[in-house]
Amino acid sequence: FAEIIVRAVTYVAAVLMFGGSLFVIYARAGAHADADDDLRRDWRVLRGRVRLLQLACVVATLVAGLLWLVIHSAAVAGVPMLQAVSGEAAGEVIRATLFGRAMAWHLGLAVVLAATLMFEQRAVARSPLRNDLIRVALSAAMLVSLAWMGHAAATRGSDRYVHLGGDLLHLLAAGSWLGGLPLLVLLLVGAARRASQTLDRAALVATRRFSAIGVVCVGALLVTGVVNAWYLVATPPALLGTAYGQLLLLKLVLFAAMLALAARNRFVLTPR
C-alpha cells in the first residue's frame, strides 16, 4: 500500500510539473499581446504561483521517489526498509536494475529542475522564453522516465518498442492536458476577479490553446490506451476477471465522463 501511495505522488508531481511548464509557454503570447501594466503585474503574480506549485512538485518528486526506491529495494532484497537504506540494497538496485537506473535519472532531473526554479528570477530576466523551454524539456524527460519503471519496460522482443512508445506518448498526453488544468484555473479565476479586458483576452487565448491541445491529447490518450490494453489485458476474461482489468474499466468510465464534459465545453460553452 505504501508503494502505491508514493508511486501515485510521483506520477502526479511529474504530470503537474510538465503540464505547468508547457502551459506557461502557450499562455505567454496571450498574456503579452497588447499588455498593459496591470496585465504584466497579473502575469508576474501567476508566474510566482506557478513557481510555488512547481517547487512543491519537485519536493514531492524527491521525497516520493526516494521512498519508492527504498520500498522497492527492500522488497527485492527481502529486507526491512531501514536495512535497505543503511545497507547496499538501494545501491545495488540502482546499479543492476532498469528500475533503479530510471529512478536515478528521474531524481537527477528533479534536482536540476529545482536549481532552475531557485534561480528563476535571474534566468527570466536574461531570457524568459529560453528558460521556460528548458524547463519544458527537463520536465518532459522527468515525466517520460517513469515509462521505464512500468509494465512496458518489461515487455520482451520488438513489441517492447511499441509498448514503451505508447507509454511515453500516454504520459506526455496526460501531462500536457491534466497537468495544465490547475494553471488554467488560476488564470481564469484571476480574470474573473479583475475587470480587465486585456486580462480577459489573455485568458481567452490561453483557453482556446488549451482546448486545442486537449483535443490532440484526448486522441493520443485513446490510441495509446488501446495499445497498453492490448498488451496488458488481451482477452475479455482478463478484462472482467482481474483487478487490473476492473480498474481499467473504471478508468474507461471516467474517460467517457471527461469526453462528455469536453464535448459540452466545445459545442455549448465555448461559443458563448
C-alpha atoms as a PDB file:
ATOM      1  CA  PHE A   1       0.000   0.000   0.000  1.00  0.00           C
ATOM      2  CA  ALA A   2       2.844   2.408   0.811  1.00  0.00           C
ATOM      3  CA  GLU A   3       4.377   1.804  -2.625  1.00  0.00           C
ATOM      4  CA  ILE A   4       1.037   2.595  -4.287  1.00  0.00           C
ATOM      5  CA  ILE A   5       0.883   5.946  -2.472  1.00  0.00           C
ATOM      6  CA  VAL A   6       4.445   7.040  -3.263  1.00  0.00           C
ATOM      7  CA  ARG A   7       4.065   5.892  -6.857  1.00  0.00           C
ATOM      8  CA  ALA A   8       0.857   7.946  -7.220  1.00  0.00           C
ATOM      9  CA  VAL A   9       2.540  11.029  -5.724  1.00  0.00           C
ATOM     10  CA  THR A  10       5.494  10.591  -8.089  1.00  0.00           C
ATOM     11  CA  TYR A  11       3.226  10.430 -11.143  1.00  0.00           C
ATOM     12  CA  VAL A  12       1.030  13.367 -10.077  1.00  0.00           C
ATOM     13  CA  ALA A  13       4.043  15.577  -9.330  1.00  0.00           C
ATOM     14  CA  ALA A  14       5.656  14.780 -12.688  1.00  0.00           C
ATOM     15  CA  VAL A  15       2.400  15.416 -14.580  1.00  0.00           C
ATOM     16  CA  LEU A  16       1.848  18.774 -12.860  1.00  0.00           C
ATOM     17  CA  MET A  17       5.459  19.799 -13.410  1.00  0.00           C
ATOM     18  CA  PHE A  18       5.366  19.141 -17.156  1.00  0.00           C
ATOM     19  CA  GLY A  19       1.833  20.442 -17.744  1.00  0.00           C
ATOM     20  CA  GLY A  20       2.526  23.620 -15.791  1.00  0.00           C
ATOM     21  CA  SER A  21       5.761  24.294 -17.679  1.00  0.00           C
ATOM     22  CA  LEU A  22       4.012  23.768 -21.014  1.00  0.00           C
ATOM     23  CA  PHE A  23       1.049  25.962 -20.027  1.00  0.00           C
ATOM     24  CA  VAL A  24       3.354  28.909 -19.361  1.00  0.00           C
ATOM     25  CA  ILE A  25       4.664  28.654 -22.931  1.00  0.00           C
ATOM     26  CA  TYR A  26       1.338  28.882 -24.754  1.00  0.00           C
ATOM     27  CA  ALA A  27      -0.253  31.267 -22.251  1.00  0.00           C
ATOM     28  CA  ARG A  28       2.671  33.684 -22.614  1.00  0.00           C
ATOM     29  CA  ALA A  29       1.647  35.103 -26.019  1.00  0.00           C
ATOM     30  CA  GLY A  30      -1.873  35.795 -24.862  1.00  0.00           C
ATOM     31  CA  ALA A  31      -0.606  37.457 -21.705  1.00  0.00           C
ATOM     32  CA  HIS A  32       1.776  39.728 -23.608  1.00  0.00           C
ATOM     33  CA  ALA A  33      -0.488  40.651 -26.516  1.00  0.00           C
ATOM     34  CA  ASP A  34      -1.477  44.320 -26.040  1.00  0.00           C
ATOM     35  CA  ALA A  35      -0.209  44.010 -22.477  1.00  0.00           C
ATOM     36  CA  ASP A  36      -0.670  46.929 -20.111  1.00  0.00           C
ATOM     37  CA  ASP A  37       0.933  47.451 -16.725  1.00  0.00           C
ATOM     38  CA  ASP A  38      -1.883  45.709 -14.869  1.00  0.00           C
ATOM     39  CA  LEU A  39      -1.635  42.649 -17.115  1.00  0.00           C
ATOM     40  CA  ARG A  40       2.137  42.458 -16.692  1.00  0.00           C
ATOM     41  CA  ARG A  41       1.639  42.593 -12.919  1.00  0.00           C
ATOM     42  CA  ASP A  42      -1.015  39.871 -13.077  1.00  0.00           C
ATOM     43  CA  TRP A  43       1.316  37.748 -15.227  1.00  0.00           C
ATOM     44  CA  ARG A  44       4.096  38.119 -12.665  1.00  0.00           C
ATOM     45  CA  VAL A  45       1.693  37.052  -9.921  1.00  0.00           C
ATOM     46  CA  LEU A  46       0.670  33.999 -11.962  1.00  0.00           C
ATOM     47  CA  ARG A  47       4.304  33.083 -12.615  1.00  0.00           C
ATOM     48  CA  GLY A  48       5.004  33.350  -8.896  1.00  0.00           C
ATOM     49  CA  ARG A  49       2.176  30.944  -8.123  1.00  0.00           C
ATOM     50  CA  VAL A  50       3.381  28.591 -10.844  1.00  0.00           C
ATOM     51  CA  ARG A  51       6.848  28.657  -9.320  1.00  0.00           C
ATOM     52  CA  LEU A  52       5.486  27.763  -5.859  1.00  0.00           C
ATOM     53  CA  LEU A  53       3.435  24.904  -7.333  1.00  0.00           C
ATOM     54  CA  GLN A  54       6.444  23.591  -9.235  1.00  0.00           C
ATOM     55  CA  LEU A  55       8.698  23.833  -6.194  1.00  0.00           C
ATOM     56  CA  ALA A  56       6.142  21.746  -4.317  1.00  0.00           C
ATOM     57  CA  CYS A  57       6.140  19.245  -7.192  1.00  0.00           C
ATOM     58  CA  VAL A  58       9.934  18.972  -7.120  1.00  0.00           C
ATOM     59  CA  VAL A  59       9.970  18.405  -3.354  1.00  0.00           C
ATOM     60  CA  ALA A  60       7.198  15.791  -3.687  1.00  0.00           C
ATOM     61  CA  THR A  61       9.128  14.108  -6.511  1.00  0.00           C
ATOM     62  CA  LEU A  62      12.327  13.854  -4.476  1.00  0.00           C
ATOM     63  CA  VAL A  63      10.628  12.621  -1.299  1.00  0.00           C
ATOM     64  CA  ALA A  64       8.256  10.169  -3.002  1.00  0.00           C
ATOM     65  CA  GLY A  65      10.908   8.967  -5.455  1.00  0.00           C
ATOM     66  CA  LEU A  66      13.411   8.206  -2.709  1.00  0.00           C
ATOM     67  CA  LEU A  67      10.741   6.408  -0.665  1.00  0.00           C
ATOM     68  CA  TRP A  68       9.701   4.410  -3.738  1.00  0.00           C
ATOM     69  CA  LEU A  69      13.325   3.402  -4.333  1.00  0.00           C
ATOM     70  CA  VAL A  70      13.754   2.306  -0.711  1.00  0.00           C
ATOM     71  CA  ILE A  71      10.472   0.347  -0.650  1.00  0.00           C
ATOM     72  CA  HIS A  72      11.289  -1.361  -3.949  1.00  0.00           C
ATOM     73  CA  SER A  73      14.839  -2.147  -2.833  1.00  0.00           C
ATOM     74  CA  ALA A  74      13.597  -3.650   0.428  1.00  0.00           C
ATOM     75  CA  ALA A  75      11.140  -5.851  -1.492  1.00  0.00           C
ATOM     76  CA  VAL A  76      13.794  -7.003  -3.978  1.00  0.00           C
ATOM     77  CA  ALA A  77      16.372  -7.775  -1.288  1.00  0.00           C
ATOM     78  CA  GLY A  78      13.827  -9.227   1.151  1.00  0.00           C
ATOM     79  CA  VAL A  79      14.994  -6.979   3.986  1.00  0.00           C
ATOM     80  CA  PRO A  80      13.274  -4.339   6.187  1.00  0.00           C
ATOM     81  CA  MET A  81      13.152  -0.772   4.836  1.00  0.00           C
ATOM     82  CA  LEU A  82      15.632   0.576   7.395  1.00  0.00           C
ATOM     83  CA  GLN A  83      18.119  -2.099   6.409  1.00  0.00           C
ATOM     84  CA  ALA A  84      17.595  -1.266   2.733  1.00  0.00           C
ATOM     85  CA  VAL A  85      18.517   2.360   3.462  1.00  0.00           C
ATOM     86  CA  SER A  86      21.565   1.643   5.580  1.00  0.00           C
ATOM     87  CA  GLY A  87      22.800  -1.355   3.584  1.00  0.00           C
ATOM     88  CA  GLU A  88      23.679  -1.982  -0.050  1.00  0.00           C
ATOM     89  CA  ALA A  89      20.194  -2.879  -1.287  1.00  0.00           C
ATOM     90  CA  ALA A  90      19.287   0.523  -2.734  1.00  0.00           C
ATOM     91  CA  GLY A  91      22.692   0.964  -4.353  1.00  0.00           C
ATOM     92  CA  GLU A  92      22.534  -2.487  -5.895  1.00  0.00           C
ATOM     93  CA  VAL A  93      19.063  -1.796  -7.311  1.00  0.00           C
ATOM     94  CA  ILE A  94      20.365   1.411  -8.935  1.00  0.00           C
ATOM     95  CA  ARG A  95      23.387  -0.356 -10.411  1.00  0.00           C
ATOM     96  CA  ALA A  96      21.811  -3.608 -11.517  1.00  0.00           C
ATOM     97  CA  THR A  97      18.172  -2.922 -12.464  1.00  0.00           C
ATOM     98  CA  LEU A  98      16.425  -0.841 -15.119  1.00  0.00           C
ATOM     99  CA  PHE A  99      14.035   0.485 -12.471  1.00  0.00           C
ATOM    100  CA  GLY A 100      16.942   1.724 -10.363  1.00  0.00           C
ATOM    101  CA  ARG A 101      18.685   3.468 -13.264  1.00  0.00           C
ATOM    102  CA  ALA A 102      15.435   5.080 -14.396  1.00  0.00           C
ATOM    103  CA  MET A 103      14.740   6.287 -10.865  1.00  0.00           C
ATOM    104  CA  ALA A 104      18.250   7.726 -10.618  1.00  0.00           C
ATOM    105  CA  TRP A 105      17.643   9.700 -13.826  1.00  0.00           C
ATOM    106  CA  HIS A 106      14.222  10.779 -12.546  1.00  0.00           C
ATOM    107  CA  LEU A 107      15.624  12.101  -9.268  1.00  0.00           C
ATOM    108  CA  GLY A 108      18.601  13.716 -11.008  1.00  0.00           C
ATOM    109  CA  LEU A 109      16.303  15.624 -13.351  1.00  0.00           C
ATOM    110  CA  ALA A 110      14.225  16.727 -10.351  1.00  0.00           C
ATOM    111  CA  VAL A 111      17.376  18.185  -8.767  1.00  0.00           C
ATOM    112  CA  VAL A 112      18.210  20.082 -11.977  1.00  0.00           C
ATOM    113  CA  LEU A 113      14.643  21.407 -12.159  1.00  0.00           C
ATOM    114  CA  ALA A 114      14.911  22.530  -8.546  1.00  0.00           C
ATOM    115  CA  ALA A 115      18.022  24.514  -9.489  1.00  0.00           C
ATOM    116  CA  THR A 116      16.228  26.229 -12.389  1.00  0.00           C
ATOM    117  CA  LEU A 117      13.402  27.195 -10.058  1.00  0.00           C
ATOM    118  CA  MET A 118      15.747  28.538  -7.388  1.00  0.00           C
ATOM    119  CA  PHE A 119      17.450  30.829  -9.913  1.00  0.00           C
ATOM    120  CA  GLU A 120      14.332  31.608 -11.945  1.00  0.00           C
ATOM    121  CA  GLN A 121      14.247  35.371 -11.448  1.00  0.00           C
ATOM    122  CA  ARG A 122      17.780  35.805 -12.772  1.00  0.00           C
ATOM    123  CA  ALA A 123      17.179  33.443 -15.721  1.00  0.00           C
ATOM    124  CA  VAL A 124      13.836  35.040 -16.621  1.00  0.00           C
ATOM    125  CA  ALA A 125      15.425  38.486 -16.601  1.00  0.00           C
ATOM    126  CA  ARG A 126      18.005  37.335 -19.180  1.00  0.00           C
ATOM    127  CA  SER A 127      15.896  35.143 -21.451  1.00  0.00           C
ATOM    128  CA  PRO A 128      12.395  34.227 -20.204  1.00  0.00           C
ATOM    129  CA  LEU A 129      11.372  32.143 -23.208  1.00  0.00           C
ATOM    130  CA  ARG A 130      14.589  30.122 -23.261  1.00  0.00           C
ATOM    131  CA  ASN A 131      14.279  29.443 -19.542  1.00  0.00           C
ATOM    132  CA  ASP A 132      10.694  28.222 -19.985  1.00  0.00           C
ATOM    133  CA  LEU A 133      11.642  25.991 -22.937  1.00  0.00           C
ATOM    134  CA  ILE A 134      14.475  24.424 -20.936  1.00  0.00           C
ATOM    135  CA  ARG A 135      12.050  23.684 -18.113  1.00  0.00           C
ATOM    136  CA  VAL A 136       9.593  22.075 -20.523  1.00  0.00           C
ATOM    137  CA  ALA A 137      12.350  19.831 -21.900  1.00  0.00           C
ATOM    138  CA  LEU A 138      13.594  18.846 -18.434  1.00  0.00           C
ATOM    139  CA  SER A 139      10.126  18.187 -17.039  1.00  0.00           C
ATOM    140  CA  ALA A 140       9.193  16.157 -20.153  1.00  0.00           C
ATOM    141  CA  ALA A 141      12.299  13.996 -19.664  1.00  0.00           C
ATOM    142  CA  MET A 142      11.458  13.560 -15.972  1.00  0.00           C
ATOM    143  CA  LEU A 143       7.896  12.535 -16.843  1.00  0.00           C
ATOM    144  CA  VAL A 144       8.770  10.005 -19.564  1.00  0.00           C
ATOM    145  CA  SER A 145      11.453   8.418 -17.370  1.00  0.00           C
ATOM    146  CA  LEU A 146       8.520   6.873 -15.479  1.00  0.00           C
ATOM    147  CA  ALA A 147       7.793   4.678 -18.511  1.00  0.00           C
ATOM    148  CA  TRP A 148      10.947   2.669 -17.731  1.00  0.00           C
ATOM    149  CA  MET A 149       9.535   1.901 -14.267  1.00  0.00           C
ATOM    150  CA  GLY A 150       6.283   0.387 -15.532  1.00  0.00           C
ATOM    151  CA  HIS A 151       4.942  -2.659 -17.354  1.00  0.00           C
ATOM    152  CA  ALA A 152       6.136  -1.562 -20.798  1.00  0.00           C
ATOM    153  CA  ALA A 153       9.810  -1.790 -19.842  1.00  0.00           C
ATOM    154  CA  ALA A 154       9.321  -5.496 -19.039  1.00  0.00           C
ATOM    155  CA  THR A 155       7.904  -6.329 -22.487  1.00  0.00           C
ATOM    156  CA  ARG A 156      10.211  -8.576 -24.498  1.00  0.00           C
ATOM    157  CA  GLY A 157      11.254  -8.531 -28.151  1.00  0.00           C
ATOM    158  CA  SER A 158      10.285  -5.973 -30.761  1.00  0.00           C
ATOM    159  CA  ASP A 159       6.918  -5.427 -29.023  1.00  0.00           C
ATOM    160  CA  ARG A 160       8.808  -3.637 -26.283  1.00  0.00           C
ATOM    161  CA  TYR A 161       9.416  -0.598 -28.502  1.00  0.00           C
ATOM    162  CA  VAL A 162       5.738  -0.345 -29.433  1.00  0.00           C
ATOM    163  CA  HIS A 163       4.579  -0.762 -25.835  1.00  0.00           C
ATOM    164  CA  LEU A 164       7.215   1.593 -24.453  1.00  0.00           C
ATOM    165  CA  GLY A 165       6.494   4.174 -27.143  1.00  0.00           C
ATOM    166  CA  GLY A 166       2.814   4.004 -26.294  1.00  0.00           C
ATOM    167  CA  ASP A 167       3.616   4.589 -22.626  1.00  0.00           C
ATOM    168  CA  LEU A 168       5.799   7.602 -23.468  1.00  0.00           C
ATOM    169  CA  LEU A 169       3.065   9.231 -25.534  1.00  0.00           C
ATOM    170  CA  HIS A 170       0.446   8.365 -22.909  1.00  0.00           C
ATOM    171  CA  LEU A 171       2.441  10.130 -20.203  1.00  0.00           C
ATOM    172  CA  LEU A 172       3.122  13.218 -22.346  1.00  0.00           C
ATOM    173  CA  ALA A 173      -0.528  13.491 -23.380  1.00  0.00           C
ATOM    174  CA  ALA A 174      -1.718  13.181 -19.776  1.00  0.00           C
ATOM    175  CA  GLY A 175       0.852  15.723 -18.636  1.00  0.00           C
ATOM    176  CA  SER A 176       0.034  18.212 -21.400  1.00  0.00           C
ATOM    177  CA  TRP A 177      -3.684  18.123 -20.655  1.00  0.00           C
ATOM    178  CA  LEU A 178      -4.217  17.298 -16.986  1.00  0.00           C
ATOM    179  CA  GLY A 179      -1.019  18.966 -15.802  1.00  0.00           C
ATOM    180  CA  GLY A 180      -2.107  22.319 -17.224  1.00  0.00           C
ATOM    181  CA  LEU A 181      -5.553  22.328 -15.599  1.00  0.00           C
ATOM    182  CA  PRO A 182      -4.511  23.910 -12.248  1.00  0.00           C
ATOM    183  CA  LEU A 183      -2.826  26.814 -14.044  1.00  0.00           C
ATOM    184  CA  LEU A 184      -5.794  27.321 -16.338  1.00  0.00           C
ATOM    185  CA  VAL A 185      -7.973  27.563 -13.224  1.00  0.00           C
ATOM    186  CA  LEU A 186      -5.611  30.135 -11.700  1.00  0.00           C
ATOM    187  CA  LEU A 187      -5.698  32.225 -14.874  1.00  0.00           C
ATOM    188  CA  LEU A 188      -9.495  32.074 -15.201  1.00  0.00           C
ATOM    189  CA  VAL A 189     -10.029  32.908 -11.524  1.00  0.00           C
ATOM    190  CA  GLY A 190      -7.713  35.892 -11.898  1.00  0.00           C
ATOM    191  CA  ALA A 191      -9.624  37.073 -14.972  1.00  0.00           C
ATOM    192  CA  ALA A 192     -12.953  36.657 -13.165  1.00  0.00           C
ATOM    193  CA  ARG A 193     -11.784  38.741 -10.226  1.00  0.00           C
ATOM    194  CA  ARG A 194     -10.335  41.594 -12.301  1.00  0.00           C
ATOM    195  CA  ALA A 195     -12.349  43.854 -14.610  1.00  0.00           C
ATOM    196  CA  SER A 196      -9.649  43.967 -17.269  1.00  0.00           C
ATOM    197  CA  GLN A 197     -10.273  43.497 -20.989  1.00  0.00           C
ATOM    198  CA  THR A 198      -6.622  42.662 -21.645  1.00  0.00           C
ATOM    199  CA  LEU A 199      -6.639  40.003 -18.940  1.00  0.00           C
ATOM    200  CA  ASP A 200      -9.878  38.627 -20.388  1.00  0.00           C
ATOM    201  CA  ARG A 201      -8.239  38.424 -23.831  1.00  0.00           C
ATOM    202  CA  ALA A 202      -5.186  36.701 -22.357  1.00  0.00           C
ATOM    203  CA  ALA A 203      -7.428  34.161 -20.622  1.00  0.00           C
ATOM    204  CA  LEU A 204      -9.387  33.654 -23.856  1.00  0.00           C
ATOM    205  CA  VAL A 205      -6.215  32.970 -25.893  1.00  0.00           C
ATOM    206  CA  ALA A 206      -4.879  30.545 -23.270  1.00  0.00           C
ATOM    207  CA  THR A 207      -8.234  28.755 -23.023  1.00  0.00           C
ATOM    208  CA  ARG A 208      -8.503  28.312 -26.788  1.00  0.00           C
ATOM    209  CA  ARG A 209      -4.980  26.936 -26.989  1.00  0.00           C
ATOM    210  CA  PHE A 210      -5.575  24.659 -24.033  1.00  0.00           C
ATOM    211  CA  SER A 211      -8.755  23.389 -25.685  1.00  0.00           C
ATOM    212  CA  ALA A 212      -6.922  22.696 -28.958  1.00  0.00           C
ATOM    213  CA  ILE A 213      -4.153  20.848 -27.131  1.00  0.00           C
ATOM    214  CA  GLY A 214      -6.794  18.919 -25.203  1.00  0.00           C
ATOM    215  CA  VAL A 215      -8.313  17.560 -28.425  1.00  0.00           C
ATOM    216  CA  VAL A 216      -4.905  16.246 -29.536  1.00  0.00           C
ATOM    217  CA  CYS A 217      -4.199  14.810 -26.091  1.00  0.00           C
ATOM    218  CA  VAL A 218      -7.559  13.021 -25.904  1.00  0.00           C
ATOM    219  CA  GLY A 219      -6.831  11.329 -29.223  1.00  0.00           C
ATOM    220  CA  ALA A 220      -3.343  10.356 -28.075  1.00  0.00           C
ATOM    221  CA  LEU A 221      -4.643   9.009 -24.757  1.00  0.00           C
ATOM    222  CA  LEU A 222      -7.258   6.939 -26.565  1.00  0.00           C
ATOM    223  CA  VAL A 223      -4.813   5.399 -29.063  1.00  0.00           C
ATOM    224  CA  THR A 224      -2.048   4.727 -26.547  1.00  0.00           C
ATOM    225  CA  GLY A 225      -4.576   3.403 -24.034  1.00  0.00           C
ATOM    226  CA  VAL A 226      -5.683   0.834 -26.604  1.00  0.00           C
ATOM    227  CA  VAL A 227      -2.030  -0.144 -27.158  1.00  0.00           C
ATOM    228  CA  ASN A 228      -1.492  -0.638 -23.416  1.00  0.00           C
ATOM    229  CA  ALA A 229      -4.717  -2.612 -23.067  1.00  0.00           C
ATOM    230  CA  TRP A 230      -3.702  -4.847 -25.973  1.00  0.00           C
ATOM    231  CA  TYR A 231      -0.514  -5.866 -24.191  1.00  0.00           C
ATOM    232  CA  LEU A 232      -1.811  -5.999 -20.618  1.00  0.00           C
ATOM    233  CA  VAL A 233      -5.454  -7.092 -20.966  1.00  0.00           C
ATOM    234  CA  ALA A 234      -5.570  -9.137 -24.158  1.00  0.00           C
ATOM    235  CA  THR A 235      -8.788 -11.117 -23.542  1.00  0.00           C
ATOM    236  CA  PRO A 236     -12.310 -10.364 -22.195  1.00  0.00           C
ATOM    237  CA  PRO A 237     -11.822 -12.721 -19.188  1.00  0.00           C
ATOM    238  CA  ALA A 238      -8.694 -10.765 -18.233  1.00  0.00           C
ATOM    239  CA  LEU A 239     -10.641  -7.516 -18.551  1.00  0.00           C
ATOM    240  CA  LEU A 240     -13.547  -8.678 -16.409  1.00  0.00           C
ATOM    241  CA  GLY A 241     -11.930 -11.181 -14.075  1.00  0.00           C
ATOM    242  CA  THR A 242      -8.774  -9.408 -12.870  1.00  0.00           C
ATOM    243  CA  ALA A 243      -8.258  -6.426 -10.588  1.00  0.00           C
ATOM    244  CA  TYR A 244      -6.205  -4.693 -13.283  1.00  0.00           C
ATOM    245  CA  GLY A 245      -8.967  -5.210 -15.870  1.00  0.00           C
ATOM    246  CA  GLN A 246     -11.648  -3.921 -13.496  1.00  0.00           C
ATOM    247  CA  LEU A 247      -9.588  -0.814 -12.745  1.00  0.00           C
ATOM    248  CA  LEU A 248      -9.190  -0.314 -16.489  1.00  0.00           C
ATOM    249  CA  LEU A 249     -12.981  -0.468 -16.903  1.00  0.00           C
ATOM    250  CA  LEU A 250     -13.364   2.163 -14.168  1.00  0.00           C
ATOM    251  CA  LYS A 251     -10.813   4.316 -15.957  1.00  0.00           C
ATOM    252  CA  LEU A 252     -12.779   3.981 -19.202  1.00  0.00           C
ATOM    253  CA  VAL A 253     -15.945   5.155 -17.435  1.00  0.00           C
ATOM    254  CA  LEU A 254     -14.105   8.212 -16.097  1.00  0.00           C
ATOM    255  CA  PHE A 255     -12.600   8.818 -19.538  1.00  0.00           C
ATOM    256  CA  ALA A 256     -16.093   8.756 -21.096  1.00  0.00           C
ATOM    257  CA  ALA A 257     -17.270  11.292 -18.497  1.00  0.00           C
ATOM    258  CA  MET A 258     -14.340  13.568 -19.387  1.00  0.00           C
ATOM    259  CA  LEU A 259     -15.240  13.292 -23.072  1.00  0.00           C
ATOM    260  CA  ALA A 260     -18.811  14.318 -22.261  1.00  0.00           C
ATOM    261  CA  LEU A 261     -17.573  17.374 -20.365  1.00  0.00           C
ATOM    262  CA  ALA A 262     -15.181  18.211 -23.194  1.00  0.00           C
ATOM    263  CA  ALA A 263     -17.981  17.972 -25.777  1.00  0.00           C
ATOM    264  CA  ARG A 264     -20.197  20.296 -23.703  1.00  0.00           C
ATOM    265  CA  ASN A 265     -17.312  22.736 -23.360  1.00  0.00           C
ATOM    266  CA  ARG A 266     -16.529  22.648 -27.084  1.00  0.00           C
ATOM    267  CA  PHE A 267     -20.046  22.853 -28.517  1.00  0.00           C
ATOM    268  CA  VAL A 268     -22.003  24.716 -25.811  1.00  0.00           C
ATOM    269  CA  LEU A 269     -19.769  26.793 -23.518  1.00  0.00           C
ATOM    270  CA  THR A 270     -17.017  27.856 -25.936  1.00  0.00           C
ATOM    271  CA  PRO A 271     -19.421  29.506 -28.459  1.00  0.00           C
ATOM    272  CA  ARG A 272     -20.866  31.545 -25.577  1.00  0.00           C
END
